[in-house]
């Protein structure tokens, strides 16, 4: 379970602790983006862009941890690296998804044709 950012001490941090702090911020930012008001297509595009940005940030944080897992400083099983690769790929895929959604809402705002496969989504 992730700890509250405020409860962490000011002592030097390990790589997993730094990543944990970054992920805490990402989870907070993702929740804030989910709660943005959806009053228009433009607002939906902003929300989707923010969600994409957070997914991309989470992928980068998992990448930091992946590099540590495969470093000589880490004695964890390589199975953790495999799980991190999956986490990175998932976040990258989610980021691409939200970027496509944002573009579709921008297209709808500008009066351009929207991809009919996803038209009418209520996010």
Protein backbone atom coordinates (compact mmCIF):
# COMPACT_ATOMS: atom_id res chain seq x y z
CA UNK A 1 0.00 0.00 0.00
CA UNK A 2 1.28 3.47 -0.78
CA UNK A 3 2.04 5.72 2.12
CA UNK A 4 0.85 9.26 2.48
CA UNK A 5 3.45 11.61 1.01
CA UNK A 6 3.45 13.81 4.15
CA UNK A 7 4.41 10.91 6.42
CA UNK A 8 7.73 10.29 4.66
CA UNK A 9 10.91 11.49 6.34
CA UNK A 10 13.52 13.87 4.94
CA UNK A 11 16.29 11.23 5.00
CA UNK A 12 17.92 10.15 1.73
CA UNK A 13 15.51 8.09 -0.31
CA UNK A 14 15.97 4.81 -2.10
CA UNK A 15 14.89 4.44 -5.71
CA UNK A 16 11.68 2.61 -4.71
CA UNK A 17 10.83 5.40 -2.26
CA UNK A 18 11.36 8.08 -4.91
CA UNK A 19 9.20 6.13 -7.34
CA UNK A 20 6.55 5.66 -4.66
CA UNK A 21 6.39 9.41 -4.09
CA UNK A 22 6.08 10.04 -7.80
CA UNK A 23 3.31 7.46 -8.09
CA UNK A 24 1.44 8.97 -5.13
CA UNK A 25 1.41 12.29 -6.98
CA UNK A 26 0.25 10.52 -10.15
CA UNK A 27 -2.61 8.75 -8.38
CA UNK A 28 -3.69 12.06 -6.85
CA UNK A 29 -3.50 13.84 -10.21
CA UNK A 30 -5.41 11.03 -11.94
CA UNK A 31 -8.20 11.31 -9.38
CA UNK A 32 -8.33 15.08 -9.81
CA UNK A 33 -8.57 14.68 -13.59
CA UNK A 34 -11.37 12.14 -13.24
CA UNK A 35 -13.31 14.69 -11.18
CA UNK A 36 -13.09 17.52 -13.70
CA UNK A 37 -16.54 18.76 -14.76
CA UNK A 38 -17.68 17.36 -18.11
CA UNK A 39 -19.78 20.24 -19.32
CA UNK A 40 -18.72 20.25 -22.98
CA UNK A 41 -16.69 18.43 -25.61
CA UNK A 42 -13.84 20.87 -24.94
CA UNK A 43 -13.93 20.05 -21.23
CA UNK A 44 -13.91 16.33 -22.05
CA UNK A 45 -10.86 16.87 -24.28
CA UNK A 46 -9.03 18.66 -21.45
CA UNK A 47 -9.90 15.85 -19.05
CA UNK A 48 -8.75 13.15 -21.48
CA UNK A 49 -5.47 15.03 -22.13
CA UNK A 50 -4.82 15.24 -18.38
CA UNK A 51 -5.55 11.54 -17.94
CA UNK A 52 -3.16 10.76 -20.81
CA UNK A 53 -0.46 12.91 -19.24
CA UNK A 54 -0.78 11.09 -15.92
CA UNK A 55 -0.64 7.68 -17.63
CA UNK A 56 2.51 8.76 -19.47
CA UNK A 57 4.06 9.96 -16.19
CA UNK A 58 3.19 6.67 -14.47
CA UNK A 59 4.86 4.76 -17.32
CA UNK A 60 8.02 6.82 -16.81
CA UNK A 61 7.98 6.19 -13.03
CA UNK A 62 7.61 2.44 -13.62
CA UNK A 63 10.54 2.78 -16.04
CA UNK A 64 12.70 4.30 -13.30
CA UNK A 65 11.89 1.35 -11.08
CA UNK A 66 12.56 -1.08 -13.94
CA UNK A 67 16.04 0.32 -14.49
CA UNK A 68 16.72 -0.07 -10.75
CA UNK A 69 15.42 -3.68 -10.71
CA UNK A 70 17.86 -4.58 -13.50
CA UNK A 71 20.75 -2.73 -11.86
CA UNK A 72 23.47 -4.26 -9.68
CA UNK A 73 22.03 -2.28 -6.74
CA UNK A 74 18.94 -4.48 -6.69
CA UNK A 75 18.81 -8.10 -5.59
CA UNK A 76 15.15 -8.72 -6.43
CA UNK A 77 14.11 -11.51 -8.76
CA UNK A 78 13.90 -10.58 -12.42
CA UNK A 79 10.22 -11.53 -12.27
CA UNK A 80 9.68 -8.04 -10.82
CA UNK A 81 11.24 -6.58 -13.94
CA UNK A 82 8.83 -8.57 -16.09
CA UNK A 83 5.90 -7.22 -14.07
CA UNK A 84 7.24 -3.70 -14.47
CA UNK A 85 7.49 -4.13 -18.24
CA UNK A 86 3.81 -5.08 -18.24
CA UNK A 87 2.96 -2.05 -16.08
CA UNK A 88 4.86 0.27 -18.43
CA UNK A 89 3.13 -1.17 -21.49
CA UNK A 90 -0.27 -0.86 -19.81
CA UNK A 91 0.29 2.79 -18.91
CA UNK A 92 1.62 3.60 -22.39
CA UNK A 93 -1.45 1.98 -23.93
CA UNK A 94 -3.73 3.89 -21.57
CA UNK A 95 -1.95 7.13 -22.46
CA UNK A 96 -2.47 6.50 -26.18
CA UNK A 97 -6.13 5.68 -25.54
CA UNK A 98 -6.75 8.93 -23.66
CA UNK A 99 -4.88 10.94 -26.33
CA UNK A 100 -7.19 9.46 -28.99
CA UNK A 101 -10.24 10.27 -26.87
CA UNK A 102 -9.01 13.84 -26.39
CA UNK A 103 -8.51 14.24 -30.12
CA UNK A 104 -11.99 12.95 -30.84
CA UNK A 105 -13.51 15.48 -28.45
CA UNK A 106 -11.42 18.27 -29.99
CA UNK A 107 -12.65 17.17 -33.42
CA UNK A 108 -16.24 17.26 -32.17
CA UNK A 109 -15.65 20.72 -30.69
CA UNK A 110 -14.27 21.94 -34.03
CA UNK A 111 -17.14 20.38 -35.97
CA UNK A 112 -14.95 17.75 -37.65
CA UNK A 113 -16.12 14.18 -38.16
CA UNK A 114 -15.63 12.02 -35.11
CA UNK A 115 -14.42 8.43 -35.26
CA UNK A 116 -17.72 6.55 -35.32
CA UNK A 117 -16.21 3.60 -33.45
CA UNK A 118 -16.01 5.73 -30.31
CA UNK A 119 -18.63 8.39 -30.99
CA UNK A 120 -21.11 8.93 -28.23
CA UNK A 121 -18.84 7.81 -25.42
CA UNK A 122 -19.80 9.19 -22.08
CA UNK A 123 -16.66 9.48 -20.06
